[in-house]
Amino acid sequence: MKFICRDFWTSMFQKQVDNLRTNHQGVYVLQDNAFRLLTHISSGKQYLDFAPRYLAVSCGFIRGVLSNLGIKSIVTSEVISMPSAKFQIMV
């Protein structure tokens, strides 16, 4: 997960993940407080319904990277307040 948070996130979004948490049982939560794909639409609450569409692509990228490393995973995302995004990874 450190590879995802540092190297992958930096190459994709030009910054590291703000927070990484785990329950030590295969569930990781990555939090980005200023997610790059949401910052340009975060000016109002009217775009909150469209935010999950931007996160779906990022979930696919994370799942693809982990799959290429030989790790099967389920990746979900949520937006509570713009432009913050949370990604939950279950391996």
PDB file of N, CA and C in Angstrom:
ATOM      1  N   MET A   1       0.816  -1.190   0.000  1.00  0.00           N
ATOM      2  CA  MET A   1       0.000   0.000   0.000  1.00  0.00           C
ATOM      3  C   MET A   1       0.860   1.254   0.000  1.00  0.00           C
ATOM      4  N   LYS A   2       2.039   1.154   0.574  1.00  0.00           N
ATOM      5  CA  LYS A   2       2.921   2.328   0.553  1.00  0.00           C
ATOM      6  C   LYS A   2       3.284   2.695  -0.885  1.00  0.00           C
ATOM      7  N   PHE A   3       3.429   1.693  -1.743  1.00  0.00           N
ATOM      8  CA  PHE A   3       3.694   1.965  -3.156  1.00  0.00           C
ATOM      9  C   PHE A   3       2.542   2.749  -3.771  1.00  0.00           C
ATOM     10  N   ILE A   4       1.311   2.358  -3.477  1.00  0.00           N
ATOM     11  CA  ILE A   4       0.138   3.063  -4.007  1.00  0.00           C
ATOM     12  C   ILE A   4       0.121   4.498  -3.495  1.00  0.00           C
ATOM     13  N   CYS A   5       0.344   4.675  -2.195  1.00  0.00           N
ATOM     14  CA  CYS A   5       0.234   5.999  -1.573  1.00  0.00           C
ATOM     15  C   CYS A   5       1.340   6.959  -1.990  1.00  0.00           C
ATOM     16  N   ARG A   6       2.505   6.446  -2.217  1.00  0.00           N
ATOM     17  CA  ARG A   6       3.630   7.330  -2.543  1.00  0.00           C
ATOM     18  C   ARG A   6       3.880   7.394  -4.048  1.00  0.00           C
ATOM     19  N   ASP A   7       4.308   6.295  -4.617  1.00  0.00           N
ATOM     20  CA  ASP A   7       4.769   6.303  -6.002  1.00  0.00           C
ATOM     21  C   ASP A   7       3.625   6.440  -7.006  1.00  0.00           C
ATOM     22  N   PHE A   8       2.644   5.575  -6.891  1.00  0.00           N
ATOM     23  CA  PHE A   8       1.535   5.592  -7.853  1.00  0.00           C
ATOM     24  C   PHE A   8       0.754   6.896  -7.769  1.00  0.00           C
ATOM     25  N   TRP A   9       0.382   7.304  -6.558  1.00  0.00           N
ATOM     26  CA  TRP A   9      -0.420   8.520  -6.387  1.00  0.00           C
ATOM     27  C   TRP A   9       0.348   9.753  -6.867  1.00  0.00           C
ATOM     28  N   THR A  10       1.654   9.782  -6.602  1.00  0.00           N
ATOM     29  CA  THR A  10       2.469  10.912  -7.039  1.00  0.00           C
ATOM     30  C   THR A  10       2.558  10.965  -8.554  1.00  0.00           C
ATOM     31  N   SER A  11       2.699   9.829  -9.203  1.00  0.00           N
ATOM     32  CA  SER A  11       2.795   9.838 -10.661  1.00  0.00           C
ATOM     33  C   SER A  11       1.460  10.165 -11.328  1.00  0.00           C
ATOM     34  N   MET A  12       0.347   9.799 -10.693  1.00  0.00           N
ATOM     35  CA  MET A  12      -0.969  10.073 -11.282  1.00  0.00           C
ATOM     36  C   MET A  12      -1.494  11.461 -10.937  1.00  0.00           C
ATOM     37  N   PHE A  13      -1.337  11.890  -9.686  1.00  0.00           N
ATOM     38  CA  PHE A  13      -2.013  13.096  -9.207  1.00  0.00           C
ATOM     39  C   PHE A  13      -1.067  14.168  -8.675  1.00  0.00           C
ATOM     40  N   GLN A  14       0.240  14.003  -8.846  1.00  0.00           N
ATOM     41  CA  GLN A  14       1.268  14.964  -8.457  1.00  0.00           C
ATOM     42  C   GLN A  14       1.268  15.294  -6.964  1.00  0.00           C
ATOM     43  N   LYS A  15       0.822  14.383  -6.129  1.00  0.00           N
ATOM     44  CA  LYS A  15       0.893  14.521  -4.678  1.00  0.00           C
ATOM     45  C   LYS A  15       0.712  13.154  -4.038  1.00  0.00           C
ATOM     46  N   GLN A  16       1.097  13.038  -2.783  1.00  0.00           N
ATOM     47  CA  GLN A  16       0.904  11.788  -2.065  1.00  0.00           C
ATOM     48  C   GLN A  16      -0.471  11.772  -1.412  1.00  0.00           C
ATOM     49  N   VAL A  17      -0.920  10.594  -1.024  1.00  0.00           N
ATOM     50  CA  VAL A  17      -2.178  10.442  -0.298  1.00  0.00           C
ATOM     51  C   VAL A  17      -2.021  11.129   1.055  1.00  0.00           C
ATOM     52  N   ASP A  18      -3.070  11.797   1.515  1.00  0.00           N
ATOM     53  CA  ASP A  18      -2.999  12.515   2.778  1.00  0.00           C
ATOM     54  C   ASP A  18      -3.060  11.595   3.990  1.00  0.00           C
ATOM     55  N   ASN A  19      -3.783  10.480   3.883  1.00  0.00           N
ATOM     56  CA  ASN A  19      -3.944   9.612   5.046  1.00  0.00           C
ATOM     57  C   ASN A  19      -4.147   8.167   4.576  1.00  0.00           C
ATOM     58  N   LEU A  20      -3.491   7.241   5.256  1.00  0.00           N
ATOM     59  CA  LEU A  20      -3.654   5.809   5.011  1.00  0.00           C
ATOM     60  C   LEU A  20      -3.969   5.142   6.333  1.00  0.00           C
ATOM     61  N   ARG A  21      -5.079   4.426   6.362  1.00  0.00           N
ATOM     62  CA  ARG A  21      -5.470   3.692   7.570  1.00  0.00           C
ATOM     63  C   ARG A  21      -5.728   2.244   7.204  1.00  0.00           C
ATOM     64  N   THR A  22      -5.570   1.375   8.196  1.00  0.00           N
ATOM     65  CA  THR A  22      -5.825  -0.040   7.992  1.00  0.00           C
ATOM     66  C   THR A  22      -6.400  -0.643   9.271  1.00  0.00           C
ATOM     67  N   ASN A  23      -7.131  -1.740   9.105  1.00  0.00           N
ATOM     68  CA  ASN A  23      -7.620  -2.472  10.272  1.00  0.00           C
ATOM     69  C   ASN A  23      -6.786  -3.735  10.501  1.00  0.00           C
ATOM     70  N   HIS A  24      -5.695  -3.875   9.751  1.00  0.00           N
ATOM     71  CA  HIS A  24      -4.769  -5.009   9.845  1.00  0.00           C
ATOM     72  C   HIS A  24      -5.443  -6.336   9.517  1.00  0.00           C
ATOM     73  N   GLN A  25      -6.564  -6.301   8.804  1.00  0.00           N
ATOM     74  CA  GLN A  25      -7.243  -7.518   8.374  1.00  0.00           C
ATOM     75  C   GLN A  25      -7.563  -7.452   6.886  1.00  0.00           C
ATOM     76  N   GLY A  26      -6.785  -6.684   6.132  1.00  0.00           N
ATOM     77  CA  GLY A  26      -6.962  -6.627   4.696  1.00  0.00           C
ATOM     78  C   GLY A  26      -7.795  -5.475   4.178  1.00  0.00           C
ATOM     79  N   VAL A  27      -8.143  -4.518   5.043  1.00  0.00           N
ATOM     80  CA  VAL A  27      -8.911  -3.361   4.596  1.00  0.00           C
ATOM     81  C   VAL A  27      -8.068  -2.104   4.806  1.00  0.00           C
ATOM     82  N   TYR A  28      -7.897  -1.341   3.730  1.00  0.00           N
ATOM     83  CA  TYR A  28      -7.130  -0.100   3.768  1.00  0.00           C
ATOM     84  C   TYR A  28      -8.026   1.043   3.318  1.00  0.00           C
ATOM     85  N   VAL A  29      -7.863   2.199   3.953  1.00  0.00           N
ATOM     86  CA  VAL A  29      -8.615   3.394   3.570  1.00  0.00           C
ATOM     87  C   VAL A  29      -7.617   4.487   3.236  1.00  0.00           C
ATOM     88  N   LEU A  30      -7.673   4.965   1.989  1.00  0.00           N
ATOM     89  CA  LEU A  30      -6.825   6.049   1.535  1.00  0.00           C
ATOM     90  C   LEU A  30      -7.677   7.306   1.467  1.00  0.00           C
ATOM     91  N   GLN A  31      -7.178   8.392   2.031  1.00  0.00           N
ATOM     92  CA  GLN A  31      -7.922   9.641   2.000  1.00  0.00           C
ATOM     93  C   GLN A  31      -7.069  10.717   1.347  1.00  0.00           C
ATOM     94  N   ASP A  32      -7.674  11.395   0.385  1.00  0.00           N
ATOM     95  CA  ASP A  32      -7.042  12.523  -0.297  1.00  0.00           C
ATOM     96  C   ASP A  32      -7.934  13.734  -0.055  1.00  0.00           C
ATOM     97  N   ASN A  33      -7.423  14.703   0.696  1.00  0.00           N
ATOM     98  CA  ASN A  33      -8.236  15.856   1.070  1.00  0.00           C
ATOM     99  C   ASN A  33      -8.433  16.869  -0.047  1.00  0.00           C
ATOM    100  N   ALA A  34      -7.595  16.808  -1.063  1.00  0.00           N
ATOM    101  CA  ALA A  34      -7.740  17.696  -2.222  1.00  0.00           C
ATOM    102  C   ALA A  34      -7.529  16.857  -3.480  1.00  0.00           C
ATOM    103  N   PHE A  35      -8.465  15.961  -3.749  1.00  0.00           N
ATOM    104  CA  PHE A  35      -8.336  15.039  -4.871  1.00  0.00           C
ATOM    105  C   PHE A  35      -8.330  15.831  -6.173  1.00  0.00           C
ATOM    106  N   ARG A  36      -7.308  15.631  -6.952  1.00  0.00           N
ATOM    107  CA  ARG A  36      -7.035  16.453  -8.127  1.00  0.00           C
ATOM    108  C   ARG A  36      -8.171  16.441  -9.154  1.00  0.00           C
ATOM    109  N   LEU A  37      -8.845  15.320  -9.329  1.00  0.00           N
ATOM    110  CA  LEU A  37      -9.913  15.256 -10.322  1.00  0.00           C
ATOM    111  C   LEU A  37     -11.202  15.934  -9.846  1.00  0.00           C
ATOM    112  N   LEU A  38     -11.294  16.224  -8.568  1.00  0.00           N
ATOM    113  CA  LEU A  38     -12.493  16.877  -8.041  1.00  0.00           C
ATOM    114  C   LEU A  38     -12.305  18.361  -7.768  1.00  0.00           C
ATOM    115  N   THR A  39     -11.080  18.846  -7.762  1.00  0.00           N
ATOM    116  CA  THR A  39     -10.859  20.247  -7.402  1.00  0.00           C
ATOM    117  C   THR A  39     -11.474  21.209  -8.407  1.00  0.00           C
ATOM    118  N   HIS A  40     -11.522  20.846  -9.677  1.00  0.00           N
ATOM    119  CA  HIS A  40     -12.077  21.771 -10.663  1.00  0.00           C
ATOM    120  C   HIS A  40     -13.604  21.800 -10.680  1.00  0.00           C
ATOM    121  N   ILE A  41     -14.260  20.834 -10.043  1.00  0.00           N
ATOM    122  CA  ILE A  41     -15.728  20.857  -9.980  1.00  0.00           C
ATOM    123  C   ILE A  41     -16.234  21.042  -8.550  1.00  0.00           C
ATOM    124  N   SER A  42     -15.356  21.406  -7.649  1.00  0.00           N
ATOM    125  CA  SER A  42     -15.744  21.481  -6.238  1.00  0.00           C
ATOM    126  C   SER A  42     -16.278  22.845  -5.834  1.00  0.00           C
ATOM    127  N   SER A  43     -16.587  23.707  -6.788  1.00  0.00           N
ATOM    128  CA  SER A  43     -17.034  25.054  -6.445  1.00  0.00           C
ATOM    129  C   SER A  43     -18.431  25.088  -5.856  1.00  0.00           C
ATOM    130  N   GLY A  44     -19.244  24.087  -6.118  1.00  0.00           N
ATOM    131  CA  GLY A  44     -20.603  24.085  -5.583  1.00  0.00           C
ATOM    132  C   GLY A  44     -21.093  22.692  -5.285  1.00  0.00           C
ATOM    133  N   LYS A  45     -22.167  22.612  -4.545  1.00  0.00           N
ATOM    134  CA  LYS A  45     -22.726  21.314  -4.163  1.00  0.00           C
ATOM    135  C   LYS A  45     -23.504  20.654  -5.295  1.00  0.00           C
ATOM    136  N   GLN A  46     -23.788  21.393  -6.362  1.00  0.00           N
ATOM    137  CA  GLN A  46     -24.569  20.816  -7.449  1.00  0.00           C
ATOM    138  C   GLN A  46     -23.801  19.713  -8.181  1.00  0.00           C
ATOM    139  N   TYR A  47     -22.476  19.683  -8.039  1.00  0.00           N
ATOM    140  CA  TYR A  47     -21.677  18.661  -8.711  1.00  0.00           C
ATOM    141  C   TYR A  47     -21.416  17.441  -7.837  1.00  0.00           C
ATOM    142  N   LEU A  48     -21.923  17.427  -6.627  1.00  0.00           N
ATOM    143  CA  LEU A  48     -21.690  16.307  -5.720  1.00  0.00           C
ATOM    144  C   LEU A  48     -22.241  14.994  -6.277  1.00  0.00           C
ATOM    145  N   ASP A  49     -23.305  15.060  -7.069  1.00  0.00           N
ATOM    146  CA  ASP A  49     -23.869  13.855  -7.684  1.00  0.00           C
ATOM    147  C   ASP A  49     -22.985  13.304  -8.791  1.00  0.00           C
ATOM    148  N   PHE A  50     -22.185  14.156  -9.440  1.00  0.00           N
ATOM    149  CA  PHE A  50     -21.325  13.722 -10.533  1.00  0.00           C
ATOM    150  C   PHE A  50     -19.954  13.247 -10.055  1.00  0.00           C
ATOM    151  N   ALA A  51     -19.608  13.522  -8.819  1.00  0.00           N
ATOM    152  CA  ALA A  51     -18.291  13.180  -8.293  1.00  0.00           C
ATOM    153  C   ALA A  51     -17.972  11.687  -8.357  1.00  0.00           C
ATOM    154  N   PRO A  52     -18.916  10.782  -8.054  1.00  0.00           N
ATOM    155  CA  PRO A  52     -18.574   9.350  -8.127  1.00  0.00           C
ATOM    156  C   PRO A  52     -18.135   8.888  -9.519  1.00  0.00           C
ATOM    157  N   ARG A  53     -18.555   9.563 -10.548  1.00  0.00           N
ATOM    158  CA  ARG A  53     -18.115   9.196 -11.902  1.00  0.00           C
ATOM    159  C   ARG A  53     -16.627   9.431 -12.076  1.00  0.00           C
ATOM    160  N   TYR A  54     -16.115  10.499 -11.484  1.00  0.00           N
ATOM    161  CA  TYR A  54     -14.682  10.772 -11.550  1.00  0.00           C
ATOM    162  C   TYR A  54     -13.897   9.779 -10.705  1.00  0.00           C
ATOM    163  N   LEU A  55     -14.487   9.324  -9.626  1.00  0.00           N
ATOM    164  CA  LEU A  55     -13.792   8.388  -8.747  1.00  0.00           C
ATOM    165  C   LEU A  55     -13.791   6.968  -9.290  1.00  0.00           C
ATOM    166  N   ALA A  56     -14.743   6.626 -10.135  1.00  0.00           N
ATOM    167  CA  ALA A  56     -14.808   5.267 -10.691  1.00  0.00           C
ATOM    168  C   ALA A  56     -13.563   4.944 -11.513  1.00  0.00           C
ATOM    169  N   VAL A  57     -13.096   5.901 -12.266  1.00  0.00           N
ATOM    170  CA  VAL A  57     -11.884   5.686 -13.069  1.00  0.00           C
ATOM    171  C   VAL A  57     -10.674   5.473 -12.161  1.00  0.00           C
ATOM    172  N   SER A  58     -10.588   6.262 -11.108  1.00  0.00           N
ATOM    173  CA  SER A  58      -9.469   6.122 -10.176  1.00  0.00           C
ATOM    174  C   SER A  58      -9.512   4.781  -9.447  1.00  0.00           C
ATOM    175  N   CYS A  59     -10.696   4.308  -9.108  1.00  0.00           N
ATOM    176  CA  CYS A  59     -10.830   2.976  -8.497  1.00  0.00           C
ATOM    177  C   CYS A  59     -10.316   1.896  -9.441  1.00  0.00           C
ATOM    178  N   GLY A  60     -10.622   2.052 -10.707  1.00  0.00           N
ATOM    179  CA  GLY A  60     -10.141   1.105 -11.705  1.00  0.00           C
ATOM    180  C   GLY A  60      -8.634   1.119 -11.836  1.00  0.00           C
ATOM    181  N   PHE A  61      -8.044   2.315 -11.773  1.00  0.00           N
ATOM    182  CA  PHE A  61      -6.582   2.415 -11.824  1.00  0.00           C
ATOM    183  C   PHE A  61      -5.939   1.710 -10.641  1.00  0.00           C
ATOM    184  N   ILE A  62      -6.474   1.945  -9.445  1.00  0.00           N
ATOM    185  CA  ILE A  62      -5.916   1.321  -8.239  1.00  0.00           C
ATOM    186  C   ILE A  62      -6.049  -0.192  -8.322  1.00  0.00           C
ATOM    187  N   ARG A  63      -7.217  -0.663  -8.720  1.00  0.00           N
ATOM    188  CA  ARG A  63      -7.435  -2.101  -8.828  1.00  0.00           C
ATOM    189  C   ARG A  63      -6.521  -2.718  -9.890  1.00  0.00           C
ATOM    190  N   GLY A  64      -6.319  -2.015 -10.985  1.00  0.00           N
ATOM    191  CA  GLY A  64      -5.434  -2.511 -12.042  1.00  0.00           C
ATOM    192  C   GLY A  64      -3.988  -2.601 -11.601  1.00  0.00           C
ATOM    193  N   VAL A  65      -3.520  -1.609 -10.874  1.00  0.00           N
ATOM    194  CA  VAL A  65      -2.147  -1.633 -10.372  1.00  0.00           C
ATOM    195  C   VAL A  65      -1.956  -2.796  -9.413  1.00  0.00           C
ATOM    196  N   LEU A  66      -2.892  -2.966  -8.500  1.00  0.00           N
ATOM    197  CA  LEU A  66      -2.786  -4.075  -7.549  1.00  0.00           C
ATOM    198  C   LEU A  66      -2.888  -5.423  -8.259  1.00  0.00           C
ATOM    199  N   SER A  67      -3.725  -5.511  -9.272  1.00  0.00           N
ATOM    200  CA  SER A  67      -3.853  -6.756 -10.030  1.00  0.00           C
ATOM    201  C   SER A  67      -2.547  -7.100 -10.740  1.00  0.00           C
ATOM    202  N   ASN A  68      -1.894  -6.103 -11.297  1.00  0.00           N
ATOM    203  CA  ASN A  68      -0.609  -6.342 -11.954  1.00  0.00           C
ATOM    204  C   ASN A  68       0.485  -6.728 -10.972  1.00  0.00           C
ATOM    205  N   LEU A  69       0.306  -6.372  -9.713  1.00  0.00           N
ATOM    206  CA  LEU A  69       1.241  -6.796  -8.673  1.00  0.00           C
ATOM    207  C   LEU A  69       0.869  -8.163  -8.094  1.00  0.00           C
ATOM    208  N   GLY A  70      -0.224  -8.759  -8.595  1.00  0.00           N
ATOM    209  CA  GLY A  70      -0.650 -10.079  -8.151  1.00  0.00           C
ATOM    210  C   GLY A  70      -1.553 -10.052  -6.931  1.00  0.00           C
ATOM    211  N   ILE A  71      -2.174  -8.904  -6.649  1.00  0.00           N
ATOM    212  CA  ILE A  71      -3.030  -8.762  -5.474  1.00  0.00           C
ATOM    213  C   ILE A  71      -4.464  -8.565  -5.946  1.00  0.00           C
ATOM    214  N   LYS A  72      -5.337  -9.508  -5.596  1.00  0.00           N
ATOM    215  CA  LYS A  72      -6.754  -9.366  -5.928  1.00  0.00           C
ATOM    216  C   LYS A  72      -7.388  -8.418  -4.914  1.00  0.00           C
ATOM    217  N   SER A  73      -8.209  -7.489  -5.405  1.00  0.00           N
ATOM    218  CA  SER A  73      -8.770  -6.486  -4.500  1.00  0.00           C
ATOM    219  C   SER A  73     -10.140  -6.022  -4.971  1.00  0.00           C
ATOM    220  N   ILE A  74     -10.848  -5.403  -4.039  1.00  0.00           N
ATOM    221  CA  ILE A  74     -12.093  -4.699  -4.322  1.00  0.00           C
ATOM    222  C   ILE A  74     -11.878  -3.262  -3.879  1.00  0.00           C
ATOM    223  N   VAL A  75     -12.110  -2.320  -4.785  1.00  0.00           N
ATOM    224  CA  VAL A  75     -11.861  -0.912  -4.494  1.00  0.00           C
ATOM    225  C   VAL A  75     -13.174  -0.153  -4.620  1.00  0.00           C
ATOM    226  N   THR A  76     -13.536   0.570  -3.555  1.00  0.00           N
ATOM    227  CA  THR A  76     -14.726   1.420  -3.566  1.00  0.00           C
ATOM    228  C   THR A  76     -14.311   2.828  -3.162  1.00  0.00           C
ATOM    229  N   SER A  77     -15.174   3.793  -3.457  1.00  0.00           N
ATOM    230  CA  SER A  77     -14.851   5.179  -3.141  1.00  0.00           C
ATOM    231  C   SER A  77     -16.080   5.909  -2.650  1.00  0.00           C
ATOM    232  N   GLU A  78     -15.825   7.043  -1.999  1.00  0.00           N
ATOM    233  CA  GLU A  78     -16.924   7.887  -1.554  1.00  0.00           C
ATOM    234  C   GLU A  78     -16.442   9.329  -1.447  1.00  0.00           C
ATOM    235  N   VAL A  79     -17.391  10.234  -1.626  1.00  0.00           N
ATOM    236  CA  VAL A  79     -17.136  11.662  -1.472  1.00  0.00           C
ATOM    237  C   VAL A  79     -18.096  12.169  -0.410  1.00  0.00           C
ATOM    238  N   ILE A  80     -17.547  12.690   0.660  1.00  0.00           N
ATOM    239  CA  ILE A  80     -18.386  13.254   1.703  1.00  0.00           C
ATOM    240  C   ILE A  80     -18.499  14.762   1.524  1.00  0.00           C
ATOM    241  N   SER A  81     -17.373  15.404   1.308  1.00  0.00           N
ATOM    242  CA  SER A  81     -17.356  16.831   1.020  1.00  0.00           C
ATOM    243  C   SER A  81     -16.325  17.077  -0.071  1.00  0.00           C
ATOM    244  N   MET A  82     -16.660  17.933  -0.991  1.00  0.00           N
ATOM    245  CA  MET A  82     -15.774  18.212  -2.113  1.00  0.00           C
ATOM    246  C   MET A  82     -14.591  19.033  -1.648  1.00  0.00           C
ATOM    247  N   PRO A  83     -13.408  18.878  -2.133  1.00  0.00           N
ATOM    248  CA  PRO A  83     -12.887  17.881  -3.066  1.00  0.00           C
ATOM    249  C   PRO A  83     -12.228  16.690  -2.385  1.00  0.00           C
ATOM    250  N   SER A  84     -12.641  16.356  -1.201  1.00  0.00           N
ATOM    251  CA  SER A  84     -12.079  15.235  -0.460  1.00  0.00           C
ATOM    252  C   SER A  84     -12.650  13.912  -0.972  1.00  0.00           C
ATOM    253  N   ALA A  85     -11.793  12.896  -1.073  1.00  0.00           N
ATOM    254  CA  ALA A  85     -12.216  11.579  -1.547  1.00  0.00           C
ATOM    255  C   ALA A  85     -11.585  10.501  -0.666  1.00  0.00           C
ATOM    256  N   LYS A  86     -12.374   9.435  -0.425  1.00  0.00           N
ATOM    257  CA  LYS A  86     -11.897   8.277   0.326  1.00  0.00           C
ATOM    258  C   LYS A  86     -12.006   7.045  -0.557  1.00  0.00           C
ATOM    259  N   PHE A  87     -10.958   6.242  -0.540  1.00  0.00           N
ATOM    260  CA  PHE A  87     -10.922   4.991  -1.283  1.00  0.00           C
ATOM    261  C   PHE A  87     -10.737   3.857  -0.287  1.00  0.00           C
ATOM    262  N   GLN A  88     -11.608   2.869  -0.348  1.00  0.00           N
ATOM    263  CA  GLN A  88     -11.509   1.693   0.517  1.00  0.00           C
ATOM    264  C   GLN A  88     -11.052   0.523  -0.333  1.00  0.00           C
ATOM    265  N   ILE A  89      -9.964  -0.108   0.095  1.00  0.00           N
ATOM    266  CA  ILE A  89      -9.382  -1.217  -0.643  1.00  0.00           C
ATOM    267  C   ILE A  89      -9.447  -2.455   0.240  1.00  0.00           C
ATOM    268  N   MET A  90     -10.105  -3.491  -0.259  1.00  0.00           N
ATOM    269  CA  MET A  90     -10.184  -4.770   0.460  1.00  0.00           C
ATOM    270  C   MET A  90      -9.381  -5.797  -0.330  1.00  0.00           C
ATOM    271  N   VAL A  91      -8.390  -6.373   0.323  1.00  0.00           N
ATOM    272  CA  VAL A  91      -7.547  -7.392  -0.337  1.00  0.00           C
ATOM    273  C   VAL A  91      -7.756  -8.734   0.291  1.00  0.00           C
TER     274      VAL A  91
END
